[in-house]
Every structure is written in C-alpha cells, then in structure tokens.
Amino acid sequence: MNDKPEKFIDENGLRLDGRQINEIRPMTIKIGVLSRADGSCYLEWGNNKVLVAVYGPRELHPRRLQKSDSALIRYRYNMAAFSVEERVRPGPSRRSIEISKVSREAFEPVVMTQLYPGAVIDVFAEVLQADAGTRTAAINAASIALADAGIPMKGLVAACAVGKVDDKLVLDLNKPEDNYGQADLPIAMTQDGDITLVQMDGDLSQEEFKQAVEMCKEGCRQILEIQKEALKNKFADDTAVNIPDDIDEVTYVEAIVEFDIEEDEYPEEDDISGESEDEDEDTGSLDEEGEPEDIEEEFIDIVEEAADEEEITEGSDIREQ
C-alpha cells in the first residue's frame, strides 16, 4: 500500500493527479455492452471501472415478495476479488450490503415503479477496478443502464463526492485522498436537484458541509451532462426517435415511451370513417374522385341495367360483365 503523501495540494492549487480542487476525473460511458441484459452500462471514471446490468421489469418470485401496487427494485453492489490491490473476499460484506441499500433508495424516488405492480427490477453493479468513489460511479452507471433498459423514470440520477484534504474541500476524491483524507461526503441527486443519497465519513463544520453540498451539486451537474451526451449518442445510433435537448422536461426513457404511445393512437386505416364534403346528397355516392358509399347497391343497379338491356342470358357469369 502506498504511503501517505506529504501534501495533497501543491503551491499552485493542483492535486496529486493534476486536477483543480473543483474538477472531476475524466469519465467514459459505453451503453448496451451486455446482450443478454435488458440494459447495461460500462463506466470508467478515473481508474474506476464499473459494469452494471439491469434485468426487468419481470415477474417477482417468490410471489410473497410481490407488491400489489408497484415494482420492487433490487440493487446489488459487489466488488470483484481482483478489483483492489489486496484481494477482496468473495461474497457480500457489511459494506457491500450497506451500499446496495442506500443505492437502491437513491433510485426509488425517480423510477416509476407504479407502472409494474408485482414485478421486480434487478440492478447488478460490479466493480471491476476500484479507485475511490466506487459507490457513486456505480450509481452513475446504473442510471444509464436503467435508461438503456427502457425503464420509465422521472429523470436521471447523478452522484459525486466531496472530501477534505489539507484542510481544503476537493471534488471527486481519488484513491490517496479517500484513504488519507479528513472527510468524505458522497451525494446522489436527481436532474431536478433533489438529493436522494447523503453519507458522510469524517468531520466537517456546518459551513464546510454547506460548501461541500454545493460542490457536489456542481459535480453532479457536470456528470449529468456526460450522461445526457452518452444517451443522445446511443439513441441516435439505435433509433430514429428525436431526443429532446431539454432533459429537465422529459427523460430519454419517457421520450421513447411517449413516441410509442403516439404511434399506437393513430387508428387503423380500416377504422377511418367520415363523410366527405363532396358527397352527393341525392344519390348517396361520392364525387367522381371518391369511392361509392354503398358498393353493394351500385353493383345491383349495374346488374339490373345489364339485364334490361338483355346483355345477361341464363347461365352466364355476372363477373364477365
């Protein structure tokens, strides 16, 4: 394990990795990386590498766990045994169970579970390589995976953390800052600015806490823009749906749902009926460019007219006329 650095911030105000105190690490997002999952996302954030898969909505078993008025969200956070320098013991730990719980609660206000009573939505977040901030990285990836699965949501969820090193607040902690820093404050928030997750490790004064929350909000806004751009690129490649630029009004998932509903609302061609302004009121037929209103009646008139002219003889086929 690396020793504690003497200084986390140099005389130029730069951190160990060259970032400013209010700058997040570079983020890369790939969508739809798992073919068998309903939605998936691979996210790299600094040296963090996280893979998230979403399955559902699907029927929940055993049935005794079903909710009659909404779907159940199950979130599983796990660190691979090879994700850190010292091997992680496989299986759930107290830390992973806690992170799974708070991460699930971060999505409950935005996922429209009332649309799928008795169903379950499973979210699996696997940390392949850890470099501080894995819970926030997993939440960011899970938000994209849910959208990729077509789960209706009120909005996306973005997460970021602020820490305290050298008595200064810094945004998006890296590994040394997380291991040896004085405080850590991860926050998740919706695109409307509503906070859905807050945790804190360490000590912050009231003023520092308020400042840290504002820094987290700014970091989440930056992450939200990255999420929006990734979704725009995904839908531009896979569908012909025009995604609105104003994500505050409608999410990408809702845009697709709305598009499908609008297509279904158009009546079938056979169901379209109505009278034309050019309809002839005396004969009950349409104008020369239209179709006759009563095809059977007109066919009978043609037959009778032909019979009067003795064009039809006994045993002849009417279809020949």
Protein backbone atom coordinates (compact mmCIF):
# COMPACT_ATOMS: atom_id res chain seq x y z
CA MET A 1 0.00 0.00 0.00
CA ASN A 2 1.27 3.46 -0.85
CA ASP A 3 2.44 5.74 1.96
CA LYS A 4 0.54 8.87 2.86
CA PRO A 5 1.63 11.85 0.70
CA GLU A 6 3.18 14.78 2.50
CA LYS A 7 0.87 17.23 0.66
CA PHE A 8 -2.29 16.63 -1.32
CA ILE A 9 -2.40 20.12 -2.85
CA ASP A 10 0.69 21.90 -4.13
CA GLU A 11 1.51 25.62 -4.08
CA ASN A 12 -0.28 26.07 -7.44
CA GLY A 13 -3.53 24.67 -6.08
CA LEU A 14 -3.19 21.42 -8.04
CA ARG A 15 -3.88 17.98 -6.61
CA LEU A 16 -1.75 14.84 -6.90
CA ASP A 17 -3.29 13.93 -10.27
CA GLY A 18 -3.04 17.49 -11.64
CA ARG A 19 -6.68 18.45 -11.17
CA GLN A 20 -8.13 21.60 -9.71
CA ILE A 21 -9.96 21.26 -6.40
CA ASN A 22 -13.36 21.58 -8.14
CA GLU A 23 -12.59 19.33 -11.12
CA ILE A 24 -13.93 15.81 -11.62
CA ARG A 25 -11.96 12.94 -13.12
CA PRO A 26 -12.40 12.04 -16.81
CA MET A 27 -15.43 9.81 -17.41
CA THR A 28 -16.13 7.37 -20.24
CA ILE A 29 -19.52 5.67 -20.74
CA LYS A 30 -20.41 2.76 -23.01
CA ILE A 31 -24.05 1.66 -23.27
CA GLY A 32 -25.51 -1.72 -24.19
CA VAL A 33 -22.36 -3.77 -23.62
CA LEU A 34 -24.22 -6.92 -22.44
CA SER A 35 -26.50 -8.56 -24.99
CA ARG A 36 -28.43 -10.73 -22.53
CA ALA A 37 -29.28 -7.90 -20.14
CA ASP A 38 -32.27 -5.63 -20.73
CA GLY A 39 -29.97 -2.67 -20.14
CA SER A 40 -26.27 -2.33 -19.40
CA CYS A 41 -23.51 0.24 -18.98
CA TYR A 42 -19.74 0.16 -18.66
CA LEU A 43 -18.27 3.22 -16.97
CA GLU A 44 -14.69 4.34 -16.44
CA TRP A 45 -14.20 7.22 -14.03
CA GLY A 46 -10.58 7.92 -13.35
CA ASN A 47 -9.19 4.47 -12.61
CA ASN A 48 -12.59 3.14 -11.56
CA LYS A 49 -14.09 0.54 -13.89
CA VAL A 50 -17.70 -0.44 -13.24
CA LEU A 51 -20.09 -2.71 -15.13
CA VAL A 52 -23.85 -2.52 -14.46
CA ALA A 53 -26.59 -4.79 -15.81
CA VAL A 54 -30.36 -4.29 -15.46
CA TYR A 55 -32.95 -7.07 -15.81
CA GLY A 56 -36.67 -6.41 -15.84
CA PRO A 57 -39.31 -5.47 -15.22
CA ARG A 58 -40.05 -9.18 -14.78
CA GLU A 59 -42.25 -11.29 -12.55
CA LEU A 60 -41.01 -11.50 -8.98
CA HIS A 61 -40.55 -14.87 -7.31
CA PRO A 62 -41.39 -15.93 -4.67
CA ARG A 63 -44.79 -14.30 -5.03
CA ARG A 64 -44.96 -13.41 -1.33
CA LEU A 65 -42.38 -10.68 -2.03
CA GLN A 66 -44.51 -9.02 -4.70
CA LYS A 67 -46.03 -5.60 -4.15
CA SER A 68 -49.59 -5.20 -5.36
CA ASP A 69 -49.20 -1.54 -6.28
CA SER A 70 -45.60 -1.22 -7.51
CA ALA A 71 -42.47 -3.00 -8.67
CA LEU A 72 -39.66 -3.94 -6.32
CA ILE A 73 -36.18 -2.55 -7.02
CA ARG A 74 -33.31 -4.85 -6.08
CA TYR A 75 -29.80 -3.35 -6.20
CA ARG A 76 -26.69 -5.47 -5.73
CA TYR A 77 -23.31 -3.75 -5.36
CA ASN A 78 -20.28 -6.01 -5.43
CA MET A 79 -16.53 -5.56 -5.68
CA ALA A 80 -14.70 -8.21 -7.69
CA ALA A 81 -11.98 -10.05 -5.81
CA PHE A 82 -9.37 -8.59 -8.17
CA SER A 83 -10.68 -5.01 -8.05
CA VAL A 84 -8.16 -3.81 -5.44
CA GLU A 85 -4.51 -4.49 -4.65
CA GLU A 86 -5.37 -6.64 -1.64
CA ARG A 87 -7.74 -9.40 -2.72
CA VAL A 88 -11.36 -8.90 -1.66
CA ARG A 89 -13.08 -11.88 -0.08
CA PRO A 90 -15.82 -13.06 -2.47
CA GLY A 91 -19.42 -12.70 -1.42
CA PRO A 92 -21.45 -9.97 0.28
CA SER A 93 -19.90 -7.98 3.10
CA ARG A 94 -21.38 -5.48 5.56
CA ARG A 95 -20.03 -2.67 3.39
CA SER A 96 -21.50 -4.03 0.14
CA ILE A 97 -24.87 -4.68 1.79
CA GLU A 98 -24.96 -1.10 3.11
CA ILE A 99 -24.01 0.40 -0.27
CA SER A 100 -26.60 -1.77 -2.02
CA LYS A 101 -29.31 -0.48 0.33
CA VAL A 102 -28.51 3.23 0.06
CA SER A 103 -28.02 2.97 -3.72
CA ARG A 104 -31.40 1.33 -4.17
CA GLU A 105 -33.01 4.09 -2.12
CA ALA A 106 -31.31 6.67 -4.35
CA PHE A 107 -33.34 5.41 -7.33
CA GLU A 108 -36.70 4.79 -5.65
CA PRO A 109 -37.88 8.44 -5.99
CA VAL A 110 -37.29 8.52 -9.77
CA VAL A 111 -38.13 5.03 -11.07
CA MET A 112 -41.84 4.81 -11.95
CA THR A 113 -42.42 1.52 -10.16
CA GLN A 114 -46.19 2.04 -10.02
CA LEU A 115 -46.38 1.07 -13.68
CA TYR A 116 -45.30 -2.52 -12.95
CA PRO A 117 -47.17 -3.94 -9.93
CA GLY A 118 -45.97 -7.35 -8.86
CA ALA A 119 -42.74 -7.08 -10.87
CA VAL A 120 -39.09 -6.72 -9.96
CA ILE A 121 -36.28 -4.62 -11.44
CA ASP A 122 -32.85 -6.08 -10.74
CA VAL A 123 -29.74 -3.90 -10.87
CA PHE A 124 -26.34 -5.58 -10.64
CA ALA A 125 -23.33 -3.28 -10.15
CA GLU A 126 -19.95 -4.98 -10.40
CA VAL A 127 -16.78 -3.04 -9.60
CA LEU A 128 -14.00 -4.42 -11.79
CA GLN A 129 -11.34 -1.95 -10.66
CA ALA A 130 -11.60 0.34 -7.65
CA ASP A 131 -10.04 3.77 -7.27
CA ALA A 132 -12.19 5.61 -4.69
CA GLY A 133 -15.78 6.66 -5.24
CA THR A 134 -16.99 3.26 -6.42
CA ARG A 135 -20.49 3.69 -4.99
CA THR A 136 -21.01 6.97 -6.82
CA ALA A 137 -19.53 5.53 -10.01
CA ALA A 138 -21.90 2.56 -9.77
CA ILE A 139 -24.90 4.86 -9.28
CA ASN A 140 -23.96 6.89 -12.36
CA ALA A 141 -23.62 3.71 -14.42
CA ALA A 142 -26.85 2.23 -13.01
CA SER A 143 -28.79 5.35 -14.03
CA ILE A 144 -27.65 4.88 -17.63
CA ALA A 145 -28.33 1.12 -17.56
CA LEU A 146 -31.89 1.72 -16.35
CA ALA A 147 -32.45 4.15 -19.20
CA ASP A 148 -30.98 1.64 -21.64
CA ALA A 149 -33.42 -0.99 -20.34
CA GLY A 150 -36.33 1.32 -21.14
CA ILE A 151 -37.38 1.67 -17.50
CA PRO A 152 -39.65 4.75 -17.23
CA MET A 153 -38.05 7.29 -14.91
CA LYS A 154 -38.82 10.82 -13.84
CA GLY A 155 -35.19 11.71 -14.51
CA LEU A 156 -31.62 10.55 -14.31
CA VAL A 157 -29.61 10.23 -11.12
CA ALA A 158 -26.03 11.51 -10.83
CA ALA A 159 -23.66 11.00 -7.92
CA CYS A 160 -20.40 12.56 -6.79
CA ALA A 161 -18.36 13.00 -3.61
CA VAL A 162 -16.52 15.83 -1.88
CA GLY A 163 -13.70 15.28 0.56
CA LYS A 164 -11.42 17.27 2.80
CA VAL A 165 -7.64 17.13 2.45
CA ASP A 166 -5.06 19.57 3.74
CA ASP A 167 -8.00 21.40 5.39
CA LYS A 168 -9.47 22.15 1.95
CA LEU A 169 -12.55 20.75 0.24
CA VAL A 170 -11.91 18.89 -3.01
CA LEU A 171 -14.37 17.43 -5.53
CA ASP A 172 -14.32 13.77 -6.63
CA LEU A 173 -11.71 12.14 -4.42
CA ASN A 174 -9.01 9.91 -5.87
CA LYS A 175 -7.61 6.91 -4.01
CA PRO A 176 -4.92 8.63 -1.86
CA GLU A 177 -7.35 11.43 -0.94
CA ASP A 178 -10.01 8.88 0.00
CA ASN A 179 -7.62 6.73 2.05
CA TYR A 180 -5.88 9.52 3.95
CA GLY A 181 -8.30 12.45 3.74
CA GLN A 182 -10.06 14.09 6.66
CA ALA A 183 -13.63 13.61 5.40
CA ASP A 184 -15.69 12.05 2.62
CA LEU A 185 -19.20 13.16 1.60
CA PRO A 186 -20.85 11.16 -1.25
CA ILE A 187 -24.12 12.61 -2.59
CA ALA A 188 -26.60 11.46 -5.25
CA MET A 189 -29.16 13.80 -6.74
CA THR A 190 -31.79 13.89 -9.46
CA GLN A 191 -31.59 16.12 -12.50
CA ASP A 192 -34.05 18.45 -10.74
CA GLY A 193 -31.59 18.98 -7.89
CA ASP A 194 -33.33 16.76 -5.32
CA ILE A 195 -30.84 14.88 -3.14
CA THR A 196 -31.58 11.14 -2.85
CA LEU A 197 -28.45 9.96 -1.03
CA VAL A 198 -26.17 11.55 1.57
CA GLN A 199 -23.46 9.82 3.54
CA MET A 200 -20.50 11.22 5.41
CA ASP A 201 -17.32 9.83 6.86
CA GLY A 202 -15.14 12.18 8.91
CA ASP A 203 -15.69 15.64 10.36
CA LEU A 204 -16.94 18.80 8.65
CA SER A 205 -18.10 22.05 10.15
CA GLN A 206 -21.52 23.44 9.25
CA GLU A 207 -20.04 25.90 6.81
CA GLU A 208 -17.83 23.24 5.28
CA PHE A 209 -20.81 20.91 4.94
CA LYS A 210 -22.87 23.56 3.14
CA GLN A 211 -19.97 24.34 0.83
CA ALA A 212 -19.40 20.63 0.19
CA VAL A 213 -23.05 20.11 -0.78
CA GLU A 214 -22.84 22.94 -3.30
CA MET A 215 -19.64 21.50 -4.74
CA CYS A 216 -21.34 18.08 -5.03
CA LYS A 217 -24.28 19.63 -6.83
CA GLU A 218 -21.96 21.24 -9.36
CA GLY A 219 -20.14 17.95 -9.85
CA CYS A 220 -23.43 16.12 -10.36
CA ARG A 221 -24.48 18.69 -12.95
CA GLN A 222 -21.27 18.03 -14.87
CA ILE A 223 -21.86 14.28 -14.69
CA LEU A 224 -25.46 14.72 -15.82
CA GLU A 225 -24.25 16.44 -18.97
CA ILE A 226 -21.95 13.49 -19.67
CA GLN A 227 -24.84 11.08 -19.11
CA LYS A 228 -27.09 13.06 -21.43
CA GLU A 229 -24.49 13.10 -24.17
CA ALA A 230 -23.93 9.35 -23.89
CA LEU A 231 -27.68 8.69 -24.14
CA LYS A 232 -28.02 11.04 -27.11
CA ASN A 233 -25.30 9.15 -28.96
CA LYS A 234 -26.88 5.82 -28.07
CA PHE A 235 -30.36 6.69 -29.26
CA ALA A 236 -29.08 8.48 -32.34
CA ASP A 237 -27.37 5.26 -33.40
CA ASP A 238 -30.10 2.76 -32.46
CA THR A 239 -33.41 4.56 -33.05
CA ALA A 240 -34.98 7.24 -35.13
CA VAL A 241 -36.50 8.96 -32.10
CA ASN A 242 -35.54 12.62 -31.76
CA ILE A 243 -34.37 13.06 -28.19
CA PRO A 244 -35.29 16.47 -26.76
CA ASP A 245 -32.42 18.68 -25.67
CA ASP A 246 -34.26 19.82 -22.55
CA ILE A 247 -33.82 16.85 -20.26
CA ASP A 248 -35.46 18.80 -17.43
CA GLU A 249 -38.81 18.45 -19.13
CA VAL A 250 -38.72 14.81 -20.26
CA THR A 251 -36.24 11.99 -19.83
CA TYR A 252 -34.93 9.96 -22.69
CA VAL A 253 -36.81 6.90 -21.49
CA GLU A 254 -40.06 8.87 -21.33
CA ALA A 255 -39.39 10.20 -24.81
CA ILE A 256 -39.33 6.68 -26.21
CA VAL A 257 -42.45 5.66 -24.29
CA GLU A 258 -44.27 8.77 -25.46
CA PHE A 259 -43.23 8.09 -29.04
CA ASP A 260 -44.62 4.54 -28.89
CA ILE A 261 -47.91 5.72 -27.42
CA GLU A 262 -48.36 8.39 -30.05
CA GLU A 263 -47.79 5.83 -32.79
CA ASP A 264 -50.41 3.49 -31.26
CA GLU A 265 -53.00 6.26 -31.02
CA TYR A 266 -53.32 6.54 -34.78
CA PRO A 267 -56.39 4.50 -35.91
CA GLU A 268 -56.08 1.67 -38.34
CA GLU A 269 -56.80 2.53 -41.96
CA ASP A 270 -59.97 0.41 -41.90
CA ASP A 271 -61.26 2.32 -38.86
CA ILE A 272 -61.10 5.73 -40.53
CA SER A 273 -64.61 6.85 -41.42
CA GLY A 274 -66.47 10.05 -42.05
CA GLU A 275 -68.42 11.90 -44.66
CA SER A 276 -66.83 13.93 -47.42
CA GLU A 277 -67.85 17.45 -48.25
CA ASP A 278 -68.10 16.39 -51.89
CA GLU A 279 -70.68 13.70 -51.15
CA ASP A 280 -73.70 13.70 -53.45
CA GLU A 281 -76.76 14.02 -51.18
CA ASP A 282 -79.25 12.87 -53.85
CA THR A 283 -77.61 9.60 -54.92
CA GLY A 284 -75.69 8.83 -51.72
CA SER A 285 -72.43 8.44 -53.69
CA LEU A 286 -69.20 10.38 -53.59
CA ASP A 287 -67.82 12.63 -56.27
CA GLU A 288 -66.00 11.33 -59.34
CA GLU A 289 -62.70 11.04 -57.46
CA GLY A 290 -64.19 9.14 -54.47
CA GLU A 291 -65.44 5.64 -53.85
CA PRO A 292 -69.20 4.83 -53.87
CA GLU A 293 -70.77 4.94 -50.45
CA ASP A 294 -72.80 1.74 -50.96
CA ILE A 295 -70.88 -0.66 -53.19
CA GLU A 296 -73.48 -3.44 -52.94
CA GLU A 297 -76.36 -1.17 -54.04
CA GLU A 298 -74.40 0.15 -57.01
CA PHE A 299 -73.46 -3.41 -58.04
CA ILE A 300 -77.15 -4.38 -58.03
CA ASP A 301 -78.00 -1.34 -60.20
CA ILE A 302 -75.39 -2.39 -62.74
CA VAL A 303 -76.78 -5.95 -62.86
CA GLU A 304 -80.37 -4.77 -63.32
CA GLU A 305 -79.35 -2.33 -66.03
CA ALA A 306 -77.49 -5.07 -67.86
CA ALA A 307 -80.49 -7.42 -67.55
CA ASP A 308 -82.80 -4.79 -69.02
CA GLU A 309 -80.51 -4.49 -72.00
CA GLU A 310 -80.62 -8.31 -72.35
CA GLU A 311 -76.83 -8.47 -72.04
CA ILE A 312 -77.09 -11.21 -69.41
CA THR A 313 -78.53 -14.57 -70.53
CA GLU A 314 -79.50 -17.56 -68.41
CA GLY A 315 -76.47 -19.43 -67.09
CA SER A 316 -73.99 -16.61 -67.80
CA ASP A 317 -71.48 -15.39 -65.21
CA ILE A 318 -72.07 -11.90 -63.88
CA ARG A 319 -68.35 -11.43 -63.28
CA GLU A 320 -67.83 -11.40 -67.02
CA GLN A 321 -69.74 -8.13 -67.35
